[in-house]
Protein backbone atom coordinates (compact mmCIF):
# COMPACT_ATOMS: atom_id res chain seq x y z
CA UNK A 1 62.98 173.34 110.09
CA UNK A 2 66.28 173.15 111.33
CA UNK A 3 68.15 170.22 112.64
CA UNK A 4 70.00 171.84 115.41
CA UNK A 5 69.92 175.29 117.13
CA UNK A 6 73.61 176.03 116.02
CA UNK A 7 76.08 174.98 113.38
CA UNK A 8 79.77 175.99 114.32
CA UNK A 9 81.33 176.31 110.80
CA UNK A 10 85.33 176.19 110.98
CA UNK A 11 87.00 177.30 107.69
CA UNK A 12 90.56 175.58 107.30
CA UNK A 13 93.61 175.54 105.23
CA UNK A 14 96.63 173.27 106.05
CA UNK A 15 96.32 173.76 109.83
CA UNK A 16 95.63 170.49 111.13
CA UNK A 17 97.11 171.02 114.45
CA UNK A 18 95.62 174.32 114.94
CA UNK A 19 92.33 172.69 113.99
CA UNK A 20 92.53 170.14 116.54
CA UNK A 21 92.92 172.49 119.27
CA UNK A 22 89.35 173.97 118.05
CA UNK A 23 87.72 170.29 117.93
CA UNK A 24 89.08 169.61 120.80
CA UNK A 25 87.41 172.52 122.50
CA UNK A 26 84.39 171.37 121.21
CA UNK A 27 84.79 168.48 122.84
CA UNK A 28 84.61 170.11 126.20
CA UNK A 29 81.47 171.99 125.72
CA UNK A 30 79.24 172.28 128.51
CA UNK A 31 76.33 172.28 125.47
CA UNK A 32 74.83 168.67 124.73
CA UNK A 33 76.93 167.17 122.03
CA UNK A 34 73.28 166.54 120.12
CA UNK A 35 72.21 170.04 119.82
CA UNK A 36 74.96 171.33 117.46
CA UNK A 37 76.91 170.31 115.02
CA UNK A 38 80.26 171.31 113.36
CA UNK A 39 81.07 171.76 109.91
CA UNK A 40 84.81 171.89 108.91
CA UNK A 41 85.15 173.69 105.51
CA UNK A 42 88.46 172.79 103.72
CA UNK A 43 90.10 175.17 101.58
CA UNK A 44 91.89 172.58 99.60
CA UNK A 45 94.34 171.66 102.15
CA UNK A 46 97.00 168.93 101.46
CA UNK A 47 97.79 167.94 104.66
CA UNK A 48 96.05 165.59 107.27
CA UNK A 49 93.56 167.73 107.72
CA UNK A 50 90.36 165.55 106.60
CA UNK A 51 91.94 162.52 108.85
CA UNK A 52 91.97 164.82 111.99
CA UNK A 53 88.27 165.55 110.74
CA UNK A 54 87.51 161.92 110.72
CA UNK A 55 89.06 160.93 113.80
CA UNK A 56 86.38 163.21 115.88
CA UNK A 57 83.22 161.27 114.12
CA UNK A 58 81.58 159.41 117.17
CA UNK A 59 82.39 162.20 119.25
CA UNK A 60 80.85 165.37 117.82
CA UNK A 61 78.39 165.68 115.03
CA UNK A 62 80.93 166.57 112.46
CA UNK A 63 80.66 167.09 108.67
CA UNK A 64 83.65 167.41 106.31
CA UNK A 65 83.17 169.67 103.20
CA UNK A 66 85.87 170.27 100.81
CA UNK A 67 86.77 172.57 97.99
CA UNK A 68 89.26 172.31 95.48
CA UNK A 69 92.46 174.66 96.02
CA UNK A 70 92.39 177.67 93.89
CA UNK A 71 94.22 179.65 96.37
CA UNK A 72 93.16 181.78 99.43
CA UNK A 73 89.41 181.69 99.25
CA UNK A 74 87.80 182.56 102.83
CA UNK A 75 84.36 183.67 101.33
CA UNK A 76 83.79 180.59 99.39
CA UNK A 77 84.82 178.21 102.31
CA UNK A 78 82.36 179.74 104.71
CA UNK A 79 79.75 179.82 102.57
CA UNK A 80 80.48 176.27 101.56
CA UNK A 81 79.87 175.83 105.23
CA UNK A 82 76.48 177.56 105.31
CA UNK A 83 75.06 175.86 102.42
CA UNK A 84 75.84 172.81 104.22
CA UNK A 85 74.70 174.06 107.74
CA UNK A 86 71.77 172.49 109.02
CA UNK A 87 71.54 175.02 112.48
CA UNK A 88 69.43 177.97 112.95
CA UNK A 89 72.42 179.89 113.71
CA UNK A 90 75.81 180.09 112.20
CA UNK A 91 78.58 180.29 114.65
CA UNK A 92 81.81 181.13 112.55
CA UNK A 93 85.62 179.81 114.48
CA UNK A 94 88.56 180.00 112.71
CA UNK A 95 90.74 177.34 113.06
CA UNK A 96 93.33 177.68 116.27
CA UNK A 97 90.63 179.83 118.22
CA UNK A 98 90.14 177.54 121.26
CA UNK A 99 86.58 177.83 122.99
CA UNK A 100 85.48 178.47 126.55
CA UNK A 101 83.61 175.59 127.83
CA UNK A 102 80.52 177.91 127.63
CA UNK A 103 81.43 179.48 124.45
CA UNK A 104 78.81 177.72 122.25
CA UNK A 105 75.93 178.15 125.07
CA UNK A 106 76.43 181.71 125.24
CA UNK A 107 76.07 182.13 121.29
CA UNK A 108 72.84 180.29 121.74
CA UNK A 109 71.75 182.26 124.61
CA UNK A 110 72.16 185.82 123.27
CA UNK A 111 70.09 184.61 120.15
CA UNK A 112 67.62 183.17 122.51
CA UNK A 113 67.26 186.24 124.28
CA UNK A 114 67.53 188.90 121.77
CA UNK A 115 66.01 187.20 118.78
CA UNK A 116 66.89 186.51 115.27
CA UNK A 117 67.65 190.13 114.43
CA UNK A 118 71.03 190.00 116.45
CA UNK A 119 74.53 189.01 115.33
CA UNK A 120 76.93 188.11 118.08
CA UNK A 121 80.67 189.08 118.76
CA UNK A 122 82.45 186.67 121.16
CA UNK A 123 85.62 187.77 123.29
CA UNK A 124 88.84 186.55 121.56
CA UNK A 125 91.96 186.31 124.03
CA UNK A 126 95.22 186.01 122.77
CA UNK A 127 95.19 187.67 119.25
CA UNK A 128 97.66 189.56 117.85
CA UNK A 129 98.04 191.66 114.56
CA UNK A 130 101.60 191.72 114.92
CA UNK A 131 102.20 188.28 114.69
CA UNK A 132 103.96 188.00 117.94
CA UNK A 133 103.75 184.37 119.05
CA UNK A 134 105.06 184.61 122.75
CA UNK A 135 101.65 184.31 123.82
CA UNK A 136 101.77 180.92 123.30
CA UNK A 137 103.66 179.83 126.44
CA UNK A 138 100.78 181.21 128.49
CA UNK A 139 98.16 179.17 126.60
CA UNK A 140 97.08 175.47 127.91
CA UNK A 141 95.24 174.10 124.58
CA UNK A 142 93.53 171.56 126.85
CA UNK A 143 92.55 173.78 129.36
CA UNK A 144 90.73 177.08 128.32
CA UNK A 145 89.19 178.04 131.60
CA UNK A 146 92.67 178.18 133.12
CA UNK A 147 94.44 179.73 130.06
CA UNK A 148 91.54 182.57 130.07
CA UNK A 149 91.82 183.27 133.81
CA UNK A 150 96.30 183.31 133.49
CA UNK A 151 95.66 185.98 130.69
CA UNK A 152 92.88 187.90 132.22
CA UNK A 153 94.73 187.87 135.85
CA UNK A 154 98.38 189.08 134.24
CA UNK A 155 96.35 191.41 132.04
CA UNK A 156 97.53 190.15 128.74
CA UNK A 157 96.48 189.15 125.63
CA UNK A 158 92.78 190.80 126.22
CA UNK A 159 91.01 191.23 122.99
CA UNK A 160 92.63 193.73 120.92
CA UNK A 161 89.33 195.57 120.55
CA UNK A 162 88.97 195.94 124.41
CA UNK A 163 89.91 199.63 124.40
CA UNK A 164 86.65 199.93 122.36
CA UNK A 165 84.50 198.27 124.35
CA UNK A 166 85.40 199.80 127.47
CA UNK A 167 85.12 203.22 125.82
CA UNK A 168 81.40 202.44 125.10
CA UNK A 169 80.55 200.37 127.83
CA UNK A 170 79.99 197.12 125.78
CA UNK A 171 77.11 198.69 123.97
CA UNK A 172 78.77 198.69 120.11
CA UNK A 173 75.31 197.90 118.96
CA UNK A 174 74.62 201.90 119.05
CA UNK A 175 77.55 202.53 117.27
CA UNK A 176 77.61 203.99 113.76
CA UNK A 177 79.87 201.26 112.26
CA UNK A 178 79.55 198.29 114.52
CA UNK A 179 80.87 196.24 111.59
CA UNK A 180 84.29 197.78 111.63
CA UNK A 181 84.62 194.81 114.87
CA UNK A 182 82.71 192.23 113.01
CA UNK A 183 85.66 189.81 112.67
CA UNK A 184 84.74 186.14 111.85
CA UNK A 185 87.06 184.48 114.16
CA UNK A 186 84.21 184.06 116.75
CA UNK A 187 80.92 185.36 115.77
CA UNK A 188 77.23 184.02 115.03
CA UNK A 189 74.32 185.08 113.00
CA UNK A 190 71.29 183.45 112.15
CA UNK A 191 71.32 181.11 108.61
CA UNK A 192 68.15 182.81 107.59
CA UNK A 193 69.72 186.45 107.82
CA UNK A 194 72.78 185.08 106.29
CA UNK A 195 70.93 183.71 102.98
CA UNK A 196 68.93 186.89 102.73
CA UNK A 197 71.95 188.87 102.24
CA UNK A 198 73.63 186.58 100.01
CA UNK A 199 75.94 185.00 102.18
CA UNK A 200 79.77 186.30 102.24
CA UNK A 201 80.74 188.09 98.77
CA UNK A 202 83.22 185.66 97.09
CA UNK A 203 84.77 188.88 95.42
CA UNK A 204 87.27 189.38 98.16
CA UNK A 205 88.64 185.80 97.47
CA UNK A 206 92.06 185.51 96.80
CA UNK A 207 93.02 188.34 99.17
CA UNK A 208 92.68 188.57 103.12
CA UNK A 209 90.29 190.85 104.88
CA UNK A 210 86.87 192.86 104.42
CA UNK A 211 85.00 189.93 103.95
CA UNK A 212 83.81 189.71 107.21
CA UNK A 213 83.10 193.64 107.28
CA UNK A 214 81.13 193.17 104.26
CA UNK A 215 78.70 190.97 105.69
CA UNK A 216 78.53 192.54 109.07
CA UNK A 217 77.88 195.94 107.25
CA UNK A 218 75.28 194.10 105.17
CA UNK A 219 73.35 192.30 108.20
CA UNK A 220 73.43 196.00 109.98
CA UNK A 221 72.17 197.79 106.87
CA UNK A 222 68.67 195.16 107.25
CA UNK A 223 68.46 196.17 110.81
CA UNK A 224 70.68 193.26 112.65
CA UNK A 225 72.25 194.55 115.79
CA UNK A 226 75.65 193.43 116.03
CA UNK A 227 76.45 192.83 120.11
CA UNK A 228 79.18 192.01 122.23
CA UNK A 229 79.04 188.85 123.95
CA UNK A 230 81.56 188.56 126.75
CA UNK A 231 80.41 185.23 128.02
CA UNK A 232 81.30 183.61 124.25
CA UNK A 233 85.13 183.68 125.41
CA UNK A 234 87.59 181.76 123.14
CA UNK A 235 91.66 182.09 122.84
CA UNK A 236 93.20 182.74 119.52
CA UNK A 237 96.42 180.28 119.48
CA UNK A 238 99.02 182.77 117.64
CA UNK A 239 100.91 181.53 114.43
CA UNK A 240 103.41 182.96 112.22
CA UNK A 241 101.82 185.53 109.74
CA UNK A 242 103.35 187.98 107.16
CA UNK A 243 101.24 191.47 108.31
CA UNK A 244 103.38 193.39 105.55
CA UNK A 245 101.56 191.43 102.89
CA UNK A 246 98.02 191.23 105.03
CA UNK A 247 97.96 195.12 105.23
CA UNK A 248 98.55 195.34 101.41
CA UNK A 249 96.09 192.94 100.48
CA UNK A 250 93.51 194.13 103.13
CA UNK A 251 93.71 197.57 101.66
CA UNK A 252 93.00 196.42 98.28
CA UNK A 253 90.14 194.70 99.34
CA UNK A 254 88.94 197.44 101.72
CA UNK A 255 88.96 199.47 98.34
CA UNK A 256 86.50 197.13 96.69
CA UNK A 257 84.66 197.06 99.70
CA UNK A 258 84.49 200.82 99.85
CA UNK A 259 83.59 200.91 95.96
CA UNK A 260 80.53 198.70 96.79
CA UNK A 261 78.98 200.73 99.83
CA UNK A 262 80.10 204.37 98.93
CA UNK A 263 78.88 205.49 101.92
CA UNK A 264 80.74 208.43 104.28
CA UNK A 265 81.59 205.36 107.05
CA UNK A 266 83.26 203.22 104.33
CA UNK A 267 85.22 206.14 103.04
CA UNK A 268 86.76 207.01 106.42
CA UNK A 269 87.41 203.20 107.10
CA UNK A 270 89.51 203.04 103.78
CA UNK A 271 91.33 206.13 104.44
CA UNK A 272 92.34 205.01 107.70
CA UNK A 273 92.70 201.43 106.82
CA UNK A 274 96.39 200.56 107.01
CA UNK A 275 97.08 202.98 110.19
CA UNK A 276 93.85 200.75 112.08
CA UNK A 277 95.54 197.31 111.09
CA UNK A 278 99.07 198.51 112.62
CA UNK A 279 97.86 201.15 115.72
CA UNK A 280 95.37 199.82 118.13
CA UNK A 281 94.57 203.04 119.40
CA UNK A 282 92.66 203.77 116.12
CA UNK A 283 88.99 204.38 116.72
CA UNK A 284 86.99 204.46 113.25
CA UNK A 285 83.69 204.77 115.37
CA UNK A 286 84.98 207.84 117.06
CA UNK A 287 85.96 209.66 113.89
CA UNK A 288 82.89 208.72 112.40
CA UNK A 289 81.17 210.33 115.03
CA UNK A 290 83.25 213.30 114.86
CA UNK A 291 82.28 213.79 111.28
CA UNK A 292 78.17 213.62 112.28
CA UNK A 293 78.91 216.24 114.85
CA UNK A 294 80.48 218.49 112.22
CA UNK A 295 77.95 218.19 109.69
């Protein structure tokens, strides 16, 4: 029997200030604190991450779980969170993602409404794959509602998947490959379904990319519908990143991904992966639908 309706799992590594932004946003949730827990899964940080987490005890139902630093291991860190979760739903949030006040409520509600065979993708403002940090000037970490209103009214910092959402009238669950949009910076799925598919595949550890798409496709293959949940809004606080390195690592992981599943859809994903990361106009689902129409 689960102790909570939902567990918020936050993997992190040496980003204590970004983590604090996320935890602060969990303090202002409209969801009562006694019905959700927060699990910080530390991938071997050497900064003051543990002390930051300890400072929230008594304010949140918070757990700190740690794995030794053996390099970049996001799949393992998320699995550590899943293992220690006591919630029926696992809600994955990256450190530095600031949640709107109704974000946790929105994730709980969509699972309540649509049932256990759903995975929900929340809306993420501010995410920029180019690593441009200029949007930081618009973000007020202590006031996500005002930040979201500022971004929305200015028409900047919209979720970079927005063009796909609009193109398909938000009905991403009808697409042939909704798992392409399944990024674990703001997603939720039942813990039971995660256990049933074997959680995250740790073969992707050591490199950035595709471990979340892998979970998405395995859920989808088992009949779990991947839905957009706009009400679960959040803000990704921009930070510096080496995109050239990420693209190369992501392509290597995408190669593993295609070798694992060997479908026409994963082949198209691999063939267009590098362009997809750098060009927001690329629509893999449209390519897949076109190929299906041809054959």
